[in-house]
Amino acid sequence: MIVGLIMVGSVIGATSALAALILGHSIWIALLIYSAVGALSVLAGAAALALRADPEEWTEPSSASALIRTQRG
């Protein structure tokens, strides 16, 4: 999972750095953009995966007893 996040972050960072070079920035600014955007995209992807809903919450109740609500009195 981590390897996939790093690969996606590298591709996004490299695309951003290439765009910076095409727009006329120096190689150092492109390297800075590559590092910053790549790291931020890896962190954002990891946060999105960590905070996603539990798959067990997506399933519907399978038994009739799960449909019975308990009453608090």
Protein backbone atom coordinates (compact mmCIF):
# COMPACT_ATOMS: atom_id res chain seq x y z
CA MET A 1 0.00 0.00 0.00
CA ILE A 2 2.78 2.41 0.93
CA VAL A 3 4.69 1.61 -2.25
CA GLY A 4 1.62 2.54 -4.29
CA LEU A 5 1.23 5.82 -2.43
CA ILE A 6 4.89 6.66 -2.99
CA MET A 7 4.65 5.82 -6.70
CA VAL A 8 1.56 8.00 -7.14
CA GLY A 9 3.23 10.82 -5.20
CA SER A 10 6.33 10.55 -7.37
CA VAL A 11 4.32 10.76 -10.58
CA ILE A 12 2.32 13.74 -9.35
CA GLY A 13 5.49 15.48 -8.15
CA ALA A 14 7.33 14.77 -11.41
CA THR A 15 4.42 16.14 -13.44
CA SER A 16 4.42 19.30 -11.35
CA ALA A 17 8.19 19.69 -11.68
CA LEU A 18 8.02 19.20 -15.45
CA ALA A 19 5.30 21.85 -15.67
CA ALA A 20 7.50 24.22 -13.64
CA LEU A 21 10.43 23.62 -16.01
CA ILE A 22 8.25 24.19 -19.05
CA LEU A 23 7.03 27.46 -17.53
CA GLY A 24 10.65 28.62 -17.23
CA HIS A 25 11.55 28.10 -13.58
CA SER A 26 15.02 26.95 -12.56
CA ILE A 27 15.93 23.34 -11.90
CA TRP A 28 16.14 24.07 -8.16
CA ILE A 29 12.59 25.39 -8.03
CA ALA A 30 11.45 22.35 -10.04
CA LEU A 31 13.21 20.07 -7.55
CA LEU A 32 11.57 21.90 -4.66
CA ILE A 33 8.16 21.57 -6.30
CA TYR A 34 8.79 17.88 -7.01
CA SER A 35 9.69 17.23 -3.38
CA ALA A 36 6.92 19.29 -1.82
CA VAL A 37 4.09 18.19 -4.10
CA GLY A 38 5.20 14.54 -3.98
CA ALA A 39 5.40 14.49 -0.19
CA LEU A 40 2.07 16.29 0.23
CA SER A 41 0.30 13.95 -2.16
CA VAL A 42 1.64 10.90 -0.30
CA LEU A 43 0.48 12.37 3.01
CA ALA A 44 -2.93 13.29 1.59
CA GLY A 45 -3.36 9.80 0.14
CA ALA A 46 -2.37 8.18 3.43
CA ALA A 47 -4.78 10.42 5.34
CA ALA A 48 -7.59 9.63 2.92
CA LEU A 49 -6.99 5.90 3.32
CA ALA A 50 -6.72 6.15 7.09
CA LEU A 51 -9.90 8.19 7.49
CA ARG A 52 -12.12 6.28 5.07
CA ALA A 53 -15.21 4.57 6.43
CA ASP A 54 -14.98 1.04 7.74
CA PRO A 55 -16.22 -1.47 5.11
CA GLU A 56 -18.30 -3.19 7.77
CA GLU A 57 -20.43 -0.05 8.04
CA TRP A 58 -21.34 -0.30 4.34
CA THR A 59 -22.96 -3.72 4.61
CA GLU A 60 -26.62 -4.17 5.32
CA PRO A 61 -27.78 -6.25 8.26
CA SER A 62 -28.01 -9.90 7.29
CA SER A 63 -30.26 -11.22 10.03
CA ALA A 64 -33.68 -10.25 11.30
CA SER A 65 -32.38 -9.85 14.83
CA ALA A 66 -30.11 -7.04 13.66
CA LEU A 67 -33.17 -5.10 12.55
CA ILE A 68 -34.75 -5.13 16.02
CA ARG A 69 -34.11 -1.91 17.86
CA THR A 70 -33.53 -1.96 21.56
CA GLN A 71 -35.61 0.40 23.63
CA ARG A 72 -34.12 2.27 26.52
CA GLY A 73 -36.49 3.09 29.28
